[in-house]
Each structure stands twice: as structure tokens, then as C-alpha cells.
Amino acid sequence: MSKPYHYPRHVRALALDMASKTGYAILEDGKVRGGVFEIKAPKRNRRHLEDEHEGKKYGDFLDWLNRIIAKVQPQAIYYEEPFMNMRRPSSIQSGYAWKALLMGTAAQHGIPMHGVAPRSLKKAVTGSGKAEKPEMIAAAKSQFPDLEIVDDNMADALHVLSYGLAAHMGIETLRFGM
């Protein structure tokens, strides 16, 4: 098992793996924490109800994101770029909807944001751009032994945080090719 990395106390950052089940990682006061924010999508046959509008999940995400930003006041936001699955055009549309919401929110708060492509992240973490979810989870458990990694979304967010800190702040935290 790897020894935990000690982060500088003066850096505050937020990392996201955005979807209806958004993984997040926060660096604050030299400590990393993370989790998953799950948005319950309305059932297709119940969208006619006012409180189950199809856009509600995006509003819920914005509310959550604004609360996190207000609390943490990150100096940067790192995120995993939307995955281009040409066989599922709806996933592309949804991915860019999440990204657009993040862009607008980050701009309103004056926070720089930096994206990383999924394959680049996987290659940096495991040595292979085609790493599967179990490999990414195992790598997160190794790099963050004090955290309970709840799923692949949280694992990805933790890796996005490490990647972003290394690429944009010069804070080397990744252990390549685990």
C-alpha cells in the first residue's frame, strides 16, 4: 500500500466526474475528501408533474455545485471531459450539458477550470488509456488509503484532482502505472 501524499495546506481545489452520479474530490486545508452526489432522474412516465421536470436534475446539480463552491472556495476546478460515445448520442449531449453548467458556474465565481480527457487520465493513473473501472478503483484505494472509495465515480474524481494538481499547479501526486 502506498504512503499517503501530504498536500499543501494553502491549496483549495475541487475535482468532478460529472453525471447523474457525480463523483467529487475536494482538497482543503491539506486534506483530501470525496464522495458521490447522486441526482435522482424523474421517471419518464411522471415528467408531467411539476417537481419532476426533466431539467430538474441539472437544477439540482447547480444548487449542489454552488453550495460546494461557497463552502470550499476552490482556487481551481478540475473535471473529466465528457466521453465521446458515438453509439450513444444522448450521452454526448448529456456530457456537454454538465460541462456547460460547470463552465457557467465557474465563470460566475471567477474560478479557473481545467479538463482532462478520460483516456489521458487512465493512462496517467494505470499506464493504459483503456483501463477498466476496477483498475481505476484499485489505483484510488492505493493512492488514498485513508479514504473509503465508494465507487468508480469517486475514484475518477480523486484521480482528476491529482492529475489537475500535477498539470496545473506543479504538485506531483500521481503514482504512474500502478
Protein backbone atom coordinates (compact mmCIF):
# COMPACT_ATOMS: atom_id res chain seq x y z
CA MET A 1 0.00 0.00 0.00
CA SER A 2 1.25 3.48 -0.86
CA LYS A 3 2.06 6.06 1.74
CA PRO A 4 -0.47 8.92 1.69
CA TYR A 5 0.70 12.09 -0.03
CA HIS A 6 0.79 15.28 2.03
CA TYR A 7 -0.84 18.17 0.22
CA PRO A 8 -0.04 21.85 0.83
CA ARG A 9 -2.46 23.47 3.25
CA HIS A 10 -2.80 26.67 1.20
CA VAL A 11 -4.33 24.97 -1.87
CA ARG A 12 -8.10 24.56 -2.26
CA ALA A 13 -9.40 22.64 -5.25
CA LEU A 14 -12.48 20.81 -6.45
CA ALA A 15 -12.48 17.90 -8.91
CA LEU A 16 -15.52 16.41 -10.62
CA ASP A 17 -16.55 13.37 -12.62
CA MET A 18 -19.91 14.73 -13.76
CA ALA A 19 -23.04 12.74 -14.50
CA SER A 20 -26.29 11.91 -12.74
CA LYS A 21 -23.99 10.24 -10.23
CA THR A 22 -21.26 12.88 -9.84
CA GLY A 23 -18.03 11.87 -8.17
CA TYR A 24 -16.23 14.68 -6.39
CA ALA A 25 -12.92 15.26 -4.63
CA ILE A 26 -12.05 18.27 -2.52
CA LEU A 27 -8.64 19.44 -1.36
CA GLU A 28 -8.94 21.78 1.60
CA ASP A 29 -6.54 22.51 4.48
CA GLY A 30 -4.09 19.92 3.16
CA LYS A 31 -6.65 17.12 3.29
CA VAL A 32 -8.48 15.30 0.54
CA ARG A 33 -12.04 14.11 0.87
CA GLY A 34 -14.54 12.92 -1.66
CA GLY A 35 -17.81 11.26 -2.34
CA VAL A 36 -20.69 10.98 -4.75
CA PHE A 37 -23.60 13.34 -5.32
CA GLU A 38 -26.43 11.33 -6.87
CA ILE A 39 -29.23 13.04 -8.73
CA LYS A 40 -32.44 11.11 -8.97
CA ALA A 41 -33.77 11.47 -12.50
CA PRO A 42 -37.54 11.61 -12.89
CA LYS A 43 -39.29 8.55 -14.22
CA ARG A 44 -40.19 9.05 -17.86
CA ASN A 45 -43.90 8.48 -17.32
CA ARG A 46 -44.04 11.00 -14.44
CA ARG A 47 -42.36 14.01 -16.07
CA HIS A 48 -45.67 15.81 -16.32
CA LEU A 49 -45.52 16.55 -12.60
CA GLU A 50 -44.12 19.98 -11.83
CA ASP A 51 -41.49 18.74 -9.36
CA GLU A 52 -40.24 16.09 -11.79
CA HIS A 53 -39.36 18.25 -14.78
CA GLU A 54 -36.72 16.62 -16.99
CA GLY A 55 -34.38 19.58 -16.36
CA LYS A 56 -34.66 19.24 -12.58
CA LYS A 57 -31.51 17.11 -12.37
CA TYR A 58 -29.50 19.97 -13.85
CA GLY A 59 -31.00 22.43 -11.39
CA ASP A 60 -30.24 20.08 -8.51
CA PHE A 61 -26.64 19.78 -9.75
CA LEU A 62 -26.31 23.59 -9.94
CA ASP A 63 -27.66 24.00 -6.41
CA TRP A 64 -25.21 21.39 -5.09
CA LEU A 65 -22.27 22.85 -7.06
CA ASN A 66 -22.94 26.38 -5.79
CA ARG A 67 -23.11 25.12 -2.18
CA ILE A 68 -19.77 23.29 -2.57
CA ILE A 69 -18.11 26.31 -4.18
CA ALA A 70 -19.42 28.64 -1.44
CA LYS A 71 -18.13 26.32 1.27
CA VAL A 72 -14.74 25.34 -0.20
CA GLN A 73 -13.95 28.46 -2.28
CA PRO A 74 -11.69 26.48 -4.63
CA GLN A 75 -8.82 28.14 -6.44
CA ALA A 76 -9.40 25.80 -9.38
CA ILE A 77 -11.93 23.25 -10.59
CA TYR A 78 -10.73 20.14 -12.40
CA TYR A 79 -13.11 17.89 -14.29
CA GLU A 80 -13.16 14.84 -16.50
CA GLU A 81 -14.12 15.78 -20.06
CA PRO A 82 -17.27 14.17 -21.47
CA PHE A 83 -16.66 10.77 -23.03
CA MET A 84 -17.41 10.60 -26.76
CA ASN A 85 -19.53 7.50 -27.21
CA MET A 86 -20.65 7.80 -30.82
CA ARG A 87 -23.04 4.87 -30.38
CA ARG A 88 -24.93 6.81 -27.71
CA PRO A 89 -25.53 10.40 -28.91
CA SER A 90 -27.61 11.13 -25.80
CA SER A 91 -24.53 10.55 -23.63
CA ILE A 92 -22.64 13.17 -25.64
CA GLN A 93 -25.47 15.68 -25.24
CA SER A 94 -25.76 14.98 -21.53
CA GLY A 95 -21.98 15.20 -21.03
CA TYR A 96 -21.83 18.60 -22.65
CA ALA A 97 -24.84 19.79 -20.67
CA TRP A 98 -22.96 19.02 -17.42
CA LYS A 99 -19.87 20.76 -18.80
CA ALA A 100 -21.86 23.85 -19.84
CA LEU A 101 -23.36 24.14 -16.36
CA LEU A 102 -19.90 23.86 -14.82
CA MET A 103 -18.46 26.44 -17.22
CA GLY A 104 -21.16 28.96 -16.43
CA THR A 105 -20.91 28.44 -12.69
CA ALA A 106 -17.10 28.61 -12.66
CA ALA A 107 -17.24 31.81 -14.72
CA GLN A 108 -19.74 33.41 -12.33
CA HIS A 109 -17.42 32.68 -9.42
CA GLY A 110 -14.23 33.60 -11.32
CA ILE A 111 -12.70 30.14 -10.83
CA PRO A 112 -10.40 28.70 -13.50
CA MET A 113 -11.34 25.23 -14.68
CA HIS A 114 -9.29 22.56 -16.38
CA GLY A 115 -10.49 19.38 -18.07
CA VAL A 116 -8.76 16.07 -18.65
CA ALA A 117 -9.72 13.52 -21.30
CA PRO A 118 -10.75 10.12 -19.88
CA ARG A 119 -8.06 8.23 -21.82
CA SER A 120 -5.32 10.64 -20.71
CA LEU A 121 -6.41 10.24 -17.10
CA LYS A 122 -6.48 6.43 -17.32
CA LYS A 123 -3.05 6.36 -18.96
CA ALA A 124 -1.56 8.64 -16.30
CA VAL A 125 -3.03 6.58 -13.46
CA THR A 126 -2.64 3.00 -14.68
CA GLY A 127 -0.30 3.19 -17.65
CA SER A 128 -3.12 2.23 -20.04
CA GLY A 129 -5.62 4.58 -21.68
CA LYS A 130 -8.06 1.67 -21.80
CA ALA A 131 -8.10 0.87 -18.07
CA GLU A 132 -11.36 -0.53 -16.76
CA LYS A 133 -13.31 0.73 -13.72
CA PRO A 134 -11.90 -1.88 -11.29
CA GLU A 135 -8.35 -0.81 -12.16
CA MET A 136 -9.16 2.85 -11.52
CA ILE A 137 -10.81 1.99 -8.20
CA ALA A 138 -7.81 -0.12 -7.13
CA ALA A 139 -5.45 2.72 -8.04
CA ALA A 140 -7.53 5.20 -5.99
CA LYS A 141 -7.52 2.85 -3.00
CA SER A 142 -3.75 2.61 -3.26
CA GLN A 143 -3.20 6.35 -3.61
CA PHE A 144 -5.79 7.34 -1.00
CA PRO A 145 -5.63 4.53 1.60
CA ASP A 146 -7.36 6.59 4.29
CA LEU A 147 -10.48 7.19 2.19
CA GLU A 148 -13.38 4.83 1.63
CA ILE A 149 -13.72 4.77 -2.16
CA VAL A 150 -17.46 4.28 -2.67
CA ASP A 151 -17.46 3.74 -6.45
CA ASP A 152 -15.75 4.45 -9.77
CA ASN A 153 -17.17 8.00 -9.90
CA MET A 154 -15.42 8.97 -6.67
CA ALA A 155 -12.25 7.15 -7.75
CA ASP A 156 -12.19 9.08 -11.03
CA ALA A 157 -12.74 12.40 -9.23
CA LEU A 158 -9.80 11.68 -6.91
CA HIS A 159 -7.62 10.91 -9.93
CA VAL A 160 -8.83 14.07 -11.69
CA LEU A 161 -7.79 16.04 -8.61
CA SER A 162 -4.31 14.51 -8.60
CA TYR A 163 -3.93 14.97 -12.35
CA GLY A 164 -5.09 18.59 -12.20
CA LEU A 165 -2.79 19.48 -9.33
CA ALA A 166 0.17 17.95 -11.16
CA ALA A 167 -0.63 19.52 -14.53
CA HIS A 168 -1.70 23.00 -13.43
CA MET A 169 -0.12 23.66 -10.04
CA GLY A 170 3.04 21.60 -10.30
CA ILE A 171 2.05 19.47 -7.31
CA GLU A 172 3.14 15.96 -8.24
CA THR A 173 0.84 13.45 -6.57
CA LEU A 174 0.22 10.75 -9.16
CA ARG A 175 1.98 7.45 -8.92
CA PHE A 176 2.15 6.49 -12.58
CA GLY A 177 1.49 2.98 -13.81
CA MET A 178 0.20 1.49 -10.57
